[in-house]
Amino acid sequence: MENFKNSLLWYSIKRLLQGIPLIIIVVLFCFAVIQLAPGTPLSLLGGSDGITPEQEAYLTEKWGLNDSLFEQIVNYCKNMLTFDLGDSYRLGRPVMEVILERLPTTLLLLLPSLAIASVLGVSVGMYCARHMHTLGDNVMSVVALAGYSVPLFWIGQMLILIFANTLGWLPVSGLQDLRANHTGLALVWDVFKHLILPGSCLVFYYSAMILRVTRTKMSEVLQMDYIKTARAKGLPERRVIRGHALRNALAPVVTVIGMEMGSLVMGATVVESVFGYPGTGRLLFDAVTKRDYPLIAGMFFFISVTVILANILVDILYAIIDPQVRYN
């Protein structure tokens, strides 16, 4: 039993159970967003001037607007458990259906950007840590500081100005050229070109953050006694770095990536709005501007659950990298 409690499986189960209260709080917050929104769902559809009395009675019954507050909370929580996030006021379609329709497009942008930013940030951060206070380290430190300090929307505007408007190398917005009937490899190339600018914006911003953390932690690890001992024994430098230093330096980097997962999702919202990219971020922006409260609450719930699960996954990865975590 003691071995099970110290196992990775038990640690993973505990982290998943700890996420349940957070999800309940998120559900209640989503309900509050809809309840505290100005006006009523019917008024957002145009009130009595926009719908007939029969439609008003049908929607009132469908949305349970005459139920008590307690009944509405219970029904809302039941619906959330089955991922029934309600219907969009503006689109007239189930919120979950609308989100899942846009989700693959966002993942196509986010996942490669996060992977490239992680590899680039860790690699350059390791180089800077091994060559502290050299010209290369100073230049990359300044670039990283600029990348992490400058707002995402400004980076996006500069990329559009230089590479789209001035040089004309890359398309400005969208996922593909709707005027061209591309198929096969031509379609893949067209989508790839549309991903370069928004993807570069995210990579530049988040690789700068990962670079700074990696550089700081790696420089500390390289000063540890066990690293000096490994070098004194004559181990090759590559083995010292990859076999001893990198594993201990990666744990804080993984933690930071998990902590920044929420800002990554919101950063994608900014980037998708700047580049007119048809993902969930743009969907959220349109929902906010048009006061589509069920869609706003549904997006908030979906993003929050995604971030909670991502952080749990990061904690599990941390426990794999550093076994002391699950023992403590």
Protein backbone atom coordinates (compact mmCIF):
# COMPACT_ATOMS: atom_id res chain seq x y z
CA MET A 1 0.00 0.00 0.00
CA GLU A 2 2.85 2.36 0.84
CA ASN A 3 4.43 1.68 -2.53
CA PHE A 4 1.14 2.46 -4.29
CA LYS A 5 0.80 5.78 -2.45
CA ASN A 6 4.28 6.72 -3.66
CA SER A 7 3.56 5.60 -7.22
CA LEU A 8 3.03 7.81 -10.24
CA LEU A 9 -0.48 6.36 -10.72
CA TRP A 10 -1.59 7.44 -7.23
CA TYR A 11 -0.09 10.89 -7.72
CA SER A 12 -1.95 11.23 -11.05
CA ILE A 13 -5.26 10.19 -9.45
CA LYS A 14 -4.80 12.74 -6.65
CA ARG A 15 -4.09 15.54 -9.13
CA LEU A 16 -7.18 14.65 -11.17
CA LEU A 17 -9.37 14.64 -8.05
CA GLN A 18 -7.95 18.02 -7.02
CA GLY A 19 -9.08 19.43 -10.35
CA ILE A 20 -12.76 18.60 -9.74
CA PRO A 21 -13.46 21.51 -7.30
CA LEU A 22 -11.89 23.93 -9.78
CA ILE A 23 -14.16 22.67 -12.55
CA ILE A 24 -17.21 23.10 -10.27
CA ILE A 25 -16.18 26.70 -9.57
CA VAL A 26 -15.79 27.28 -13.31
CA VAL A 27 -19.30 25.92 -13.96
CA LEU A 28 -20.83 28.22 -11.32
CA PHE A 29 -18.93 31.18 -12.73
CA CYS A 30 -20.24 30.43 -16.24
CA PHE A 31 -23.78 30.33 -14.86
CA ALA A 32 -23.22 33.67 -13.12
CA VAL A 33 -21.98 35.23 -16.38
CA ILE A 34 -25.26 34.38 -18.10
CA GLN A 35 -27.43 35.40 -15.13
CA LEU A 36 -25.68 38.74 -14.58
CA ALA A 37 -25.63 39.67 -18.25
CA PRO A 38 -27.63 42.84 -19.01
CA GLY A 39 -31.09 42.19 -20.38
CA THR A 40 -32.56 38.76 -21.05
CA PRO A 41 -31.89 36.18 -23.74
CA LEU A 42 -35.10 37.26 -25.43
CA SER A 43 -34.10 40.92 -25.44
CA LEU A 44 -30.86 39.98 -27.21
CA LEU A 45 -32.97 38.44 -29.94
CA GLY A 46 -34.88 41.66 -30.41
CA GLY A 47 -37.53 41.35 -27.69
CA SER A 48 -41.16 41.40 -28.69
CA ASP A 49 -40.32 43.24 -31.90
CA GLY A 50 -37.92 40.54 -33.10
CA ILE A 51 -39.89 37.34 -32.34
CA THR A 52 -43.53 36.27 -32.27
CA PRO A 53 -45.39 35.52 -28.99
CA GLU A 54 -45.37 31.82 -29.89
CA GLN A 55 -41.59 31.89 -30.37
CA GLU A 56 -41.20 33.82 -27.11
CA ALA A 57 -43.22 31.22 -25.19
CA TYR A 58 -41.29 28.36 -26.80
CA LEU A 59 -37.87 29.88 -26.00
CA THR A 60 -38.94 30.75 -22.45
CA GLU A 61 -39.90 27.13 -21.86
CA LYS A 62 -36.83 25.75 -23.66
CA TRP A 63 -34.35 27.90 -21.73
CA GLY A 64 -36.21 27.49 -18.41
CA LEU A 65 -36.44 31.25 -17.85
CA ASN A 66 -39.47 30.86 -15.56
CA ASP A 67 -37.76 28.29 -13.31
CA SER A 68 -36.45 29.23 -9.88
CA LEU A 69 -32.80 30.18 -9.53
CA PHE A 70 -32.02 26.90 -7.76
CA GLU A 71 -33.67 24.85 -10.52
CA GLN A 72 -31.75 26.79 -13.15
CA ILE A 73 -28.43 26.11 -11.35
CA VAL A 74 -29.20 22.37 -11.04
CA ASN A 75 -30.25 22.08 -14.69
CA TYR A 76 -27.22 24.07 -15.82
CA CYS A 77 -24.83 21.83 -13.87
CA LYS A 78 -26.51 18.71 -15.27
CA ASN A 79 -26.14 20.05 -18.78
CA MET A 80 -22.48 20.92 -18.19
CA LEU A 81 -21.77 17.35 -17.02
CA THR A 82 -23.00 16.11 -20.40
CA PHE A 83 -21.18 18.96 -22.21
CA ASP A 84 -24.48 20.52 -23.20
CA LEU A 85 -23.38 24.16 -23.10
CA GLY A 86 -26.66 25.54 -24.42
CA ASP A 87 -27.38 27.27 -27.71
CA SER A 88 -25.72 30.33 -29.15
CA TYR A 89 -28.04 33.34 -29.24
CA ARG A 90 -26.44 34.61 -32.42
CA LEU A 91 -25.92 31.39 -34.37
CA GLY A 92 -28.88 29.39 -33.06
CA ARG A 93 -26.71 26.28 -32.81
CA PRO A 94 -25.39 24.23 -29.86
CA VAL A 95 -22.37 25.95 -28.34
CA MET A 96 -20.36 22.72 -28.12
CA GLU A 97 -20.98 22.04 -31.79
CA VAL A 98 -19.75 25.52 -32.73
CA ILE A 99 -16.61 25.18 -30.55
CA LEU A 100 -15.71 21.72 -31.88
CA GLU A 101 -16.13 23.04 -35.41
CA ARG A 102 -13.42 25.66 -34.81
CA LEU A 103 -11.19 23.64 -32.46
CA PRO A 104 -9.13 21.75 -35.10
CA THR A 105 -8.19 25.06 -36.73
CA THR A 106 -6.91 26.43 -33.42
CA LEU A 107 -5.00 23.23 -32.61
CA LEU A 108 -3.40 23.42 -36.05
CA LEU A 109 -1.97 26.78 -34.99
CA LEU A 110 -1.30 26.20 -31.28
CA LEU A 111 0.32 22.76 -31.12
CA PRO A 112 3.09 23.31 -33.72
CA SER A 113 3.73 26.80 -32.30
CA LEU A 114 4.08 25.46 -28.74
CA ALA A 115 6.33 22.60 -29.89
CA ILE A 116 8.61 24.89 -31.91
CA ALA A 117 8.71 27.51 -29.13
CA SER A 118 9.63 24.85 -26.55
CA VAL A 119 12.42 23.31 -28.63
CA LEU A 120 13.77 26.70 -29.73
CA GLY A 121 13.57 28.23 -26.25
CA VAL A 122 15.25 25.29 -24.51
CA SER A 123 17.98 24.95 -27.16
CA VAL A 124 18.91 28.63 -27.26
CA GLY A 125 18.57 28.88 -23.47
CA MET A 126 21.06 26.02 -23.06
CA TYR A 127 23.47 27.74 -25.45
CA CYS A 128 23.22 31.02 -23.53
CA ALA A 129 23.77 29.26 -20.20
CA ARG A 130 26.91 27.56 -21.50
CA HIS A 131 28.25 30.82 -22.98
CA MET A 132 27.30 33.34 -20.31
CA HIS A 133 28.14 37.00 -20.96
CA THR A 134 29.43 36.39 -24.48
CA LEU A 135 28.23 38.36 -27.50
CA GLY A 136 25.80 35.60 -28.50
CA ASP A 137 24.36 35.39 -24.99
CA ASN A 138 23.93 39.15 -24.73
CA VAL A 139 22.23 39.40 -28.14
CA MET A 140 19.83 36.52 -27.44
CA SER A 141 19.04 37.89 -23.97
CA VAL A 142 18.07 41.25 -25.46
CA VAL A 143 15.96 39.54 -28.15
CA ALA A 144 14.25 37.38 -25.50
CA LEU A 145 13.54 40.40 -23.32
CA ALA A 146 12.02 42.22 -26.29
CA GLY A 147 9.98 39.18 -27.32
CA TYR A 148 8.53 38.73 -23.84
CA SER A 149 7.87 42.44 -23.26
CA VAL A 150 6.30 43.52 -26.55
CA PRO A 151 2.50 42.96 -26.82
CA LEU A 152 1.40 40.17 -29.13
CA PHE A 153 -0.86 42.40 -31.20
CA TRP A 154 2.06 44.75 -31.95
CA ILE A 155 4.26 41.83 -33.03
CA GLY A 156 1.46 40.66 -35.28
CA GLN A 157 0.97 44.10 -36.83
CA MET A 158 4.72 44.41 -37.53
CA LEU A 159 4.80 40.97 -39.18
CA ILE A 160 1.85 41.93 -41.37
CA LEU A 161 3.42 45.28 -42.26
CA ILE A 162 6.80 43.79 -43.21
CA PHE A 163 6.09 40.37 -44.72
CA ALA A 164 2.59 40.87 -46.14
CA ASN A 165 2.09 44.53 -47.02
CA THR A 166 5.67 45.61 -47.82
CA LEU A 167 7.36 42.48 -49.19
CA GLY A 168 4.20 40.65 -50.25
CA TRP A 169 5.70 37.27 -49.38
CA LEU A 170 2.90 35.90 -47.21
CA PRO A 171 -0.90 36.19 -46.97
CA VAL A 172 -2.39 38.53 -44.38
CA SER A 173 -5.34 36.62 -42.95
CA GLY A 174 -7.46 33.49 -43.01
CA LEU A 175 -6.54 29.82 -43.19
CA GLN A 176 -6.48 29.45 -46.97
CA ASP A 177 -7.09 31.38 -50.16
CA LEU A 178 -10.82 30.97 -50.77
CA ARG A 179 -10.52 32.35 -54.29
CA ALA A 180 -8.25 29.49 -55.37
CA ASN A 181 -9.51 25.94 -55.72
CA HIS A 182 -6.44 24.22 -54.27
CA THR A 183 -6.29 20.47 -53.69
CA GLY A 184 -3.63 18.02 -52.54
CA LEU A 185 -0.14 19.41 -51.96
CA ALA A 186 -1.18 22.82 -53.29
CA LEU A 187 -3.78 23.06 -50.51
CA VAL A 188 -1.23 21.97 -47.88
CA TRP A 189 1.23 24.61 -49.09
CA ASP A 190 -1.47 27.29 -49.10
CA VAL A 191 -2.51 26.47 -45.51
CA PHE A 192 1.15 26.38 -44.45
CA LYS A 193 1.74 29.88 -45.84
CA HIS A 194 -1.29 31.19 -43.94
CA LEU A 195 0.05 29.65 -40.71
CA ILE A 196 3.53 31.20 -40.93
CA LEU A 197 2.73 34.73 -39.69
CA PRO A 198 0.37 33.90 -36.78
CA GLY A 199 2.54 30.93 -35.84
CA SER A 200 5.71 33.05 -35.90
CA CYS A 201 4.00 35.58 -33.65
CA LEU A 202 3.25 32.93 -31.01
CA VAL A 203 6.65 31.24 -31.37
CA PHE A 204 8.56 34.51 -30.95
CA TYR A 205 6.62 35.44 -27.82
CA TYR A 206 6.65 32.10 -25.99
CA SER A 207 10.12 30.94 -27.02
CA ALA A 208 11.43 34.16 -25.46
CA MET A 209 9.78 33.26 -22.15
CA ILE A 210 11.06 29.67 -22.24
CA LEU A 211 14.54 30.86 -23.22
CA ARG A 212 14.83 33.14 -20.21
CA VAL A 213 13.72 30.44 -17.76
CA THR A 214 15.99 27.80 -19.32
CA ARG A 215 19.00 30.12 -19.32
CA THR A 216 18.53 31.03 -15.67
CA LYS A 217 17.96 27.49 -14.40
CA MET A 218 20.64 25.89 -16.59
CA SER A 219 23.25 28.42 -15.45
CA GLU A 220 22.42 27.49 -11.83
CA VAL A 221 22.61 23.75 -12.50
CA LEU A 222 25.97 24.05 -14.28
CA GLN A 223 27.44 25.48 -11.06
CA MET A 224 26.33 22.49 -8.97
CA ASP A 225 28.93 20.24 -7.37
CA TYR A 226 27.77 17.10 -9.16
CA ILE A 227 28.28 18.79 -12.54
CA LYS A 228 31.81 19.82 -11.53
CA THR A 229 32.44 16.24 -10.36
CA ALA A 230 31.19 14.80 -13.65
CA ARG A 231 33.50 17.09 -15.58
CA ALA A 232 36.42 16.26 -13.27
CA LYS A 233 35.89 12.57 -14.03
CA GLY A 234 36.46 13.35 -17.69
CA LEU A 235 32.92 12.77 -18.96
CA PRO A 236 32.26 14.25 -22.41
CA GLU A 237 30.62 17.68 -22.25
CA ARG A 238 27.65 16.48 -24.29
CA ARG A 239 26.96 13.71 -21.76
CA VAL A 240 27.34 16.13 -18.84
CA ILE A 241 24.80 18.51 -20.38
CA ARG A 242 22.25 16.02 -21.70
CA GLY A 243 22.64 13.31 -19.09
CA HIS A 244 22.99 15.36 -15.91
CA ALA A 245 22.26 19.07 -16.30
CA LEU A 246 19.33 19.10 -18.72
CA ARG A 247 17.04 16.81 -16.69
CA ASN A 248 17.31 18.98 -13.58
CA ALA A 249 16.97 22.19 -15.55
CA LEU A 250 13.85 21.02 -17.41
CA ALA A 251 11.59 20.67 -14.36
CA PRO A 252 11.10 24.44 -13.83
CA VAL A 253 10.72 24.92 -17.59
CA VAL A 254 7.89 22.36 -17.71
CA THR A 255 6.24 24.12 -14.76
CA VAL A 256 6.43 27.51 -16.47
CA ILE A 257 4.96 26.09 -19.68
CA GLY A 258 2.03 24.74 -17.67
CA MET A 259 1.53 28.03 -15.84
CA GLU A 260 1.59 29.91 -19.14
CA MET A 261 -0.95 27.60 -20.78
CA GLY A 262 -3.78 30.01 -20.00
CA SER A 263 -1.89 32.96 -21.44
CA LEU A 264 -1.06 30.83 -24.50
CA VAL A 265 -4.76 30.24 -25.15
CA MET A 266 -5.60 33.92 -24.62
CA GLY A 267 -2.58 34.86 -26.73
CA ALA A 268 -4.04 32.74 -29.49
CA THR A 269 -7.25 34.77 -29.16
CA VAL A 270 -5.30 37.99 -29.76
CA VAL A 271 -3.32 36.51 -32.64
CA GLU A 272 -6.41 35.03 -34.31
CA SER A 273 -8.14 38.40 -34.07
CA VAL A 274 -5.16 40.26 -35.54
CA PHE A 275 -4.73 37.84 -38.44
CA GLY A 276 -8.42 37.08 -39.00
CA TYR A 277 -7.69 33.41 -38.31
CA PRO A 278 -10.91 31.32 -38.09
CA GLY A 279 -10.26 29.53 -34.79
CA THR A 280 -11.81 29.42 -31.34
CA GLY A 281 -10.00 32.63 -30.36
CA ARG A 282 -11.71 34.56 -33.12
CA LEU A 283 -14.97 32.84 -32.15
CA LEU A 284 -14.58 34.15 -28.58
CA PHE A 285 -13.78 37.65 -29.83
CA ASP A 286 -16.91 37.70 -32.00
CA ALA A 287 -19.03 36.34 -29.13
CA VAL A 288 -17.84 39.12 -26.80
CA THR A 289 -18.41 41.91 -29.33
CA LYS A 290 -21.92 40.62 -30.13
CA ARG A 291 -22.88 39.78 -26.51
CA ASP A 292 -23.52 36.09 -27.18
CA TYR A 293 -23.40 35.13 -23.49
CA PRO A 294 -23.99 31.35 -23.78
CA LEU A 295 -21.14 31.17 -26.29
CA ILE A 296 -18.93 33.33 -24.04
CA ALA A 297 -19.69 31.12 -21.02
CA GLY A 298 -19.20 27.97 -23.09
CA MET A 299 -15.85 29.18 -24.38
CA PHE A 300 -14.78 30.14 -20.86
CA PHE A 301 -15.77 26.69 -19.57
CA PHE A 302 -14.01 24.92 -22.42
CA ILE A 303 -10.81 26.98 -22.09
CA SER A 304 -10.78 26.68 -18.29
CA VAL A 305 -11.18 22.89 -18.33
CA THR A 306 -8.48 22.64 -21.00
CA VAL A 307 -6.07 24.74 -18.93
CA ILE A 308 -6.84 22.76 -15.74
CA LEU A 309 -6.23 19.43 -17.49
CA ALA A 310 -3.07 20.79 -19.15
CA ASN A 311 -1.70 21.86 -15.77
CA ILE A 312 -2.49 18.44 -14.29
CA LEU A 313 -0.62 16.85 -17.20
CA VAL A 314 2.33 19.19 -16.58
CA ASP A 315 2.35 18.23 -12.88
CA ILE A 316 2.47 14.56 -13.89
CA LEU A 317 5.35 15.27 -16.29
CA TYR A 318 7.11 17.12 -13.46
CA ALA A 319 6.68 14.04 -11.26
CA ILE A 320 8.21 11.89 -14.01
CA ILE A 321 11.19 14.23 -14.34
CA ASP A 322 11.62 14.68 -10.58
CA PRO A 323 10.39 11.61 -8.60
CA GLN A 324 10.74 13.53 -5.31
CA VAL A 325 7.56 15.42 -6.21
CA ARG A 326 5.29 12.39 -5.89
CA TYR A 327 6.96 11.30 -2.63
CA ASN A 328 6.33 14.71 -1.09
